[in-house]
Amino acid sequence: MAVWMVLLTLGSLLCAIGGASAAGPKILTSPEVTAGSNVVISCNITEVPTAVKGHYWMKGETKLDSNETTLDFISYMIPKVDHQTSGEYHCIFETVPISKGTVYVKVQPYVVAYKKTEHGNEGDVIALTCKCNSYPPVTQWTWYKMVDQVPQPLVNGTEDRFYIKSNGSRTDLRILSLNLEKDPGKYMCNGSNEVGEGSAVVDLRVRSRLAALWPFLGIVAEVLVLVTIIFIYEKRRKPNEVPDDDDGGSAPLKGNTANNKDKNVRQRNAN
């Protein structure tokens, strides 16, 4: 019985050691950041199963230069919190296996229009696009048509011509069969996340179906004017501009001149 109790106690100790080992190290990170300048983020690792040989920061696929600190502590300074510096910052400790902590830098959506002004022809299909590359991603996109400076919401299927397709970083508003009277104007895309919201405006201009023909009609008009000028010039040429062959036909013949001279000489001799 005593042997059984010893084995049971030993098994419990081994399970406790294994559980502690499986739990791994603890990494304490600084709170998430939403604003500020010269903000310092940090990570501190404890209960490390193996020695820490080094550490560094990663943001996406980019390795960042970290400040010189102790092996169990690492920090990084963000000059300014905005849409460019927002994201997930990973502190990496070189242990076996690798240990990692994450600090979140969050901002409201920074929304930009792919093109601030879009041009389309009457009857065509056009897509208006807005993007957002800040963190966290946009959770809801909304499109509006500005009518007398008042935003009117658009949803999928509006007038059977407006369709919206969106994801966390992009939204597209497709307009079918552009209408020359109804569709021109300003459209606003609005994106929101857990921090706030942002928006951008796209100016849509619609041209008439005949707009594409204007260059061709201009060329035709130029040709007609040129032909008319040439025709008028030919009609107004001076009448005395006669070819040289006509002048040769009116000159006296040499043979007739010689005969006239002979007649004059005979008449003189007879007298």
Protein backbone atom coordinates (compact mmCIF):
# COMPACT_ATOMS: atom_id res chain seq x y z
CA MET A 1 0.00 0.00 0.00
CA ALA A 2 2.86 2.34 0.87
CA VAL A 3 4.53 1.61 -2.45
CA TRP A 4 1.29 2.46 -4.27
CA MET A 5 1.08 5.82 -2.47
CA VAL A 6 4.69 6.65 -3.39
CA LEU A 7 4.07 5.89 -7.05
CA LEU A 8 0.91 8.00 -7.02
CA THR A 9 2.75 10.97 -5.46
CA LEU A 10 5.60 10.65 -7.96
CA GLY A 11 3.12 10.61 -10.86
CA SER A 12 1.44 13.75 -9.57
CA LEU A 13 4.78 15.54 -9.36
CA LEU A 14 5.67 14.53 -12.92
CA CYS A 15 2.29 15.75 -14.21
CA ALA A 16 2.76 19.07 -12.43
CA ILE A 17 6.20 19.52 -13.91
CA GLY A 18 4.92 18.58 -17.37
CA GLY A 19 1.99 21.00 -17.04
CA ALA A 20 4.27 23.84 -16.03
CA SER A 21 6.56 23.06 -18.93
CA ALA A 22 3.63 22.90 -21.36
CA ALA A 23 2.35 26.24 -20.12
CA GLY A 24 5.49 27.91 -21.49
CA PRO A 25 6.78 31.39 -20.67
CA LYS A 26 4.65 34.36 -19.71
CA ILE A 27 4.97 37.56 -21.75
CA LEU A 28 3.60 40.79 -20.32
CA THR A 29 2.94 43.38 -23.05
CA SER A 30 2.17 47.09 -22.83
CA PRO A 31 -1.50 48.08 -23.42
CA GLU A 32 -2.81 48.67 -26.94
CA VAL A 33 -2.16 52.12 -28.39
CA THR A 34 -4.65 54.37 -30.20
CA ALA A 35 -2.93 57.78 -30.31
CA GLY A 36 0.14 59.74 -29.32
CA SER A 37 3.68 60.71 -30.30
CA ASN A 38 6.95 59.07 -29.22
CA VAL A 39 4.94 56.17 -27.78
CA VAL A 40 7.01 53.36 -26.24
CA ILE A 41 5.68 49.80 -26.44
CA SER A 42 7.32 46.93 -24.57
CA CYS A 43 7.32 43.23 -23.70
CA ASN A 44 8.65 41.44 -20.60
CA ILE A 45 9.15 37.67 -20.52
CA THR A 46 9.14 35.52 -17.37
CA GLU A 47 9.14 31.81 -16.50
CA VAL A 48 11.33 31.07 -19.48
CA PRO A 49 11.88 27.31 -20.06
CA THR A 50 15.24 27.92 -21.78
CA ALA A 51 17.76 30.73 -21.88
CA VAL A 52 16.89 33.83 -23.97
CA LYS A 53 19.59 34.27 -26.61
CA GLY A 54 18.20 37.46 -28.14
CA HIS A 55 15.06 39.37 -29.10
CA TYR A 56 13.66 41.69 -31.80
CA TRP A 57 10.44 43.31 -33.09
CA MET A 58 8.42 42.41 -36.18
CA LYS A 59 5.63 44.36 -37.91
CA GLY A 60 4.17 42.25 -40.66
CA GLU A 61 7.15 40.98 -42.65
CA THR A 62 9.40 43.85 -41.54
CA LYS A 63 12.02 43.44 -38.83
CA LEU A 64 12.38 46.54 -36.65
CA ASP A 65 15.40 47.86 -34.83
CA SER A 66 14.77 47.43 -31.12
CA ASN A 67 16.24 49.39 -28.22
CA GLU A 68 19.16 47.93 -26.29
CA THR A 69 17.62 46.34 -23.18
CA THR A 70 18.04 43.24 -21.05
CA LEU A 71 17.39 39.80 -22.50
CA ASP A 72 14.02 39.45 -20.74
CA PHE A 73 12.75 42.92 -21.68
CA ILE A 74 12.34 44.64 -25.07
CA SER A 75 10.89 48.03 -26.08
CA TYR A 76 10.26 50.05 -29.23
CA MET A 77 9.36 53.72 -29.77
CA ILE A 78 6.72 54.78 -32.32
CA PRO A 79 7.38 58.40 -33.41
CA LYS A 80 3.73 59.08 -34.29
CA VAL A 81 0.64 56.91 -34.15
CA ASP A 82 -1.23 57.20 -37.46
CA HIS A 83 -2.50 55.05 -40.33
CA GLN A 84 1.07 54.27 -41.45
CA THR A 85 2.33 53.06 -38.07
CA SER A 86 -0.85 51.26 -37.02
CA GLY A 87 -0.82 47.47 -36.94
CA GLU A 88 0.31 44.46 -34.91
CA TYR A 89 3.78 44.67 -33.37
CA HIS A 90 5.29 41.30 -32.38
CA CYS A 91 8.06 41.04 -29.82
CA ILE A 92 10.12 37.92 -30.55
CA PHE A 93 12.26 36.23 -27.88
CA GLU A 94 14.79 33.70 -29.14
CA THR A 95 14.00 30.75 -26.88
CA VAL A 96 13.37 27.09 -27.64
CA PRO A 97 10.75 27.18 -28.99
CA ILE A 98 10.45 30.83 -30.07
CA SER A 99 8.33 32.99 -27.73
CA LYS A 100 6.17 35.82 -29.08
CA GLY A 101 3.99 38.59 -27.71
CA THR A 102 1.80 41.12 -29.55
CA VAL A 103 1.10 44.82 -29.00
CA TYR A 104 -1.79 46.35 -30.96
CA VAL A 105 -1.60 49.88 -32.38
CA LYS A 106 -5.10 50.87 -33.52
CA VAL A 107 -6.45 53.95 -35.31
CA GLN A 108 -9.73 54.94 -36.96
CA PRO A 109 -10.02 54.08 -40.68
CA TYR A 110 -7.92 56.21 -43.02
CA VAL A 111 -10.13 56.08 -46.13
CA VAL A 112 -8.95 57.32 -49.55
CA ALA A 113 -10.63 57.28 -52.96
CA TYR A 114 -8.83 55.29 -55.66
CA LYS A 115 -9.67 58.18 -58.02
CA LYS A 116 -11.04 61.47 -56.74
CA THR A 117 -12.78 62.06 -60.10
CA GLU A 118 -14.26 59.35 -62.32
CA HIS A 119 -15.50 59.82 -65.91
CA GLY A 120 -18.04 57.59 -67.64
CA ASN A 121 -20.15 57.57 -70.79
CA GLU A 122 -23.93 57.48 -70.78
CA GLY A 123 -25.16 53.87 -70.71
CA ASP A 124 -21.82 52.40 -69.55
CA VAL A 125 -20.99 50.53 -66.33
CA ILE A 126 -18.59 52.20 -63.90
CA ALA A 127 -17.03 51.30 -60.53
CA LEU A 128 -16.18 53.81 -57.80
CA THR A 129 -13.51 52.51 -55.38
CA CYS A 130 -12.30 53.45 -51.90
CA LYS A 131 -9.45 51.85 -49.93
CA CYS A 132 -8.29 51.69 -46.33
CA ASN A 133 -4.89 50.30 -45.28
CA SER A 134 -4.94 51.31 -41.60
CA TYR A 135 -5.39 48.92 -38.64
CA PRO A 136 -7.74 47.45 -37.55
CA PRO A 137 -9.57 46.65 -40.81
CA VAL A 138 -12.89 48.26 -41.65
CA THR A 139 -15.81 46.29 -40.26
CA GLN A 140 -18.55 48.19 -42.10
CA TRP A 141 -18.61 50.15 -45.35
CA THR A 142 -21.42 52.52 -46.37
CA TRP A 143 -21.94 54.48 -49.61
CA TYR A 144 -23.86 57.74 -49.97
CA LYS A 145 -24.98 59.95 -52.87
CA MET A 146 -24.71 63.64 -52.00
CA VAL A 147 -28.00 65.41 -52.84
CA ASP A 148 -28.02 69.13 -52.02
CA GLN A 149 -25.05 68.44 -49.69
CA VAL A 150 -27.14 65.87 -47.79
CA PRO A 151 -25.85 62.24 -47.89
CA GLN A 152 -28.44 59.76 -49.15
CA PRO A 153 -27.54 56.11 -48.33
CA LEU A 154 -27.16 53.59 -51.15
CA VAL A 155 -27.64 49.85 -50.70
CA ASN A 156 -27.28 46.84 -52.94
CA GLY A 157 -29.99 46.83 -55.58
CA THR A 158 -30.93 50.51 -55.33
CA GLU A 159 -32.90 51.27 -58.52
CA ASP A 160 -31.60 47.88 -59.75
CA ARG A 161 -28.45 49.71 -60.84
CA PHE A 162 -26.30 50.22 -57.70
CA TYR A 163 -24.29 47.30 -56.28
CA ILE A 164 -21.71 47.30 -53.47
CA LYS A 165 -18.91 44.80 -52.86
CA SER A 166 -16.63 45.27 -49.83
CA ASN A 167 -13.95 43.68 -47.65
CA GLY A 168 -11.81 44.92 -44.76
CA SER A 169 -9.57 47.10 -46.90
CA ARG A 170 -11.64 47.99 -50.00
CA THR A 171 -15.13 48.81 -51.19
CA ASP A 172 -16.53 49.12 -54.75
CA LEU A 173 -19.74 50.79 -55.87
CA ARG A 174 -20.82 49.60 -59.32
CA ILE A 175 -23.35 51.66 -61.25
CA LEU A 176 -25.06 50.02 -64.22
CA SER A 177 -26.26 51.93 -67.29
CA LEU A 178 -25.09 55.42 -66.35
CA ASN A 179 -27.81 58.06 -66.57
CA LEU A 180 -26.78 61.46 -67.88
CA GLU A 181 -29.37 63.28 -65.77
CA LYS A 182 -29.45 61.33 -62.48
CA ASP A 183 -25.98 59.93 -61.83
CA PRO A 184 -23.44 62.80 -62.06
CA GLY A 185 -22.42 64.21 -58.69
CA LYS A 186 -20.48 63.42 -55.53
CA TYR A 187 -20.46 59.99 -53.86
CA MET A 188 -19.11 59.40 -50.34
CA CYS A 189 -17.67 56.13 -49.03
CA ASN A 190 -17.60 55.73 -45.24
CA GLY A 191 -15.69 53.06 -43.32
CA SER A 192 -15.89 52.30 -39.59
CA ASN A 193 -14.07 50.05 -37.10
CA GLU A 194 -13.88 49.70 -33.31
CA VAL A 195 -11.87 52.95 -32.99
CA GLY A 196 -13.89 55.30 -35.19
CA GLU A 197 -14.72 56.07 -38.80
CA GLY A 198 -13.35 57.80 -41.88
CA SER A 199 -14.66 58.80 -45.31
CA ALA A 200 -13.69 60.00 -48.78
CA VAL A 201 -15.55 61.61 -51.71
CA VAL A 202 -15.57 60.63 -55.40
CA ASP A 203 -16.80 63.07 -58.05
CA LEU A 204 -18.59 61.24 -60.90
CA ARG A 205 -18.95 62.93 -64.28
CA VAL A 206 -21.07 61.41 -67.05
CA ARG A 207 -20.61 62.29 -70.74
CA SER A 208 -23.19 62.06 -73.52
CA ARG A 209 -23.14 59.12 -75.94
CA LEU A 210 -22.08 61.55 -78.69
CA ALA A 211 -19.05 62.72 -76.72
CA ALA A 212 -16.89 59.98 -78.24
CA LEU A 213 -17.87 61.15 -81.77
CA TRP A 214 -16.76 64.77 -81.32
CA PRO A 215 -13.10 64.15 -82.34
CA PHE A 216 -14.23 62.34 -85.51
CA LEU A 217 -16.75 65.05 -86.36
CA GLY A 218 -14.04 67.67 -85.87
CA ILE A 219 -11.78 65.95 -88.39
CA VAL A 220 -14.64 65.70 -90.92
CA ALA A 221 -15.38 69.41 -90.51
CA GLU A 222 -11.74 70.32 -91.12
CA VAL A 223 -11.68 68.24 -94.32
CA LEU A 224 -14.89 69.88 -95.59
CA VAL A 225 -13.49 73.36 -94.98
CA LEU A 226 -10.28 72.50 -96.82
CA VAL A 227 -12.18 71.09 -99.83
CA THR A 228 -14.40 74.19 -99.96
CA ILE A 229 -11.39 76.52 -99.97
CA ILE A 230 -9.77 74.60 -102.84
CA PHE A 231 -13.01 74.64 -104.86
CA ILE A 232 -13.49 78.40 -104.44
CA TYR A 233 -9.90 79.04 -105.40
CA GLU A 234 -10.25 77.04 -108.63
CA LYS A 235 -13.44 78.86 -109.58
CA ARG A 236 -11.87 82.29 -109.12
CA ARG A 237 -8.74 81.77 -111.23
CA LYS A 238 -8.06 84.64 -113.78
CA PRO A 239 -9.36 84.04 -117.35
CA ASN A 240 -6.02 85.06 -118.98
CA GLU A 241 -4.26 82.17 -117.30
CA VAL A 242 -4.34 80.14 -120.58
CA PRO A 243 -2.04 77.23 -121.44
CA ASP A 244 1.02 77.99 -123.72
CA ASP A 245 -0.30 75.77 -126.58
CA ASP A 246 -3.13 78.23 -127.34
CA ASP A 247 -0.65 81.12 -127.79
CA GLY A 248 1.31 79.13 -130.44
CA GLY A 249 -1.81 78.51 -132.55
CA SER A 250 -2.53 82.27 -133.06
CA ALA A 251 0.99 83.13 -134.39
CA PRO A 252 1.32 83.76 -138.23
CA LEU A 253 2.75 80.97 -140.36
CA LYS A 254 6.25 81.43 -141.79
CA GLY A 255 5.19 80.29 -145.27
CA ASN A 256 2.50 82.97 -145.58
CA THR A 257 4.96 85.68 -144.53
CA ALA A 258 7.43 84.73 -147.26
CA ASN A 259 4.70 84.77 -150.00
CA ASN A 260 3.58 88.23 -148.96
CA LYS A 261 7.14 89.54 -149.29
CA ASP A 262 7.46 88.08 -152.84
CA LYS A 263 4.22 89.79 -153.95
CA ASN A 264 5.40 93.14 -152.68
CA VAL A 265 8.71 92.86 -154.58
CA ARG A 266 6.95 91.99 -157.94
CA GLN A 267 4.59 94.92 -157.58
CA ARG A 268 7.55 97.29 -157.08
CA ASN A 269 9.37 95.95 -160.16
CA ALA A 270 6.27 96.34 -162.36
CA ASN A 271 5.99 99.95 -161.40
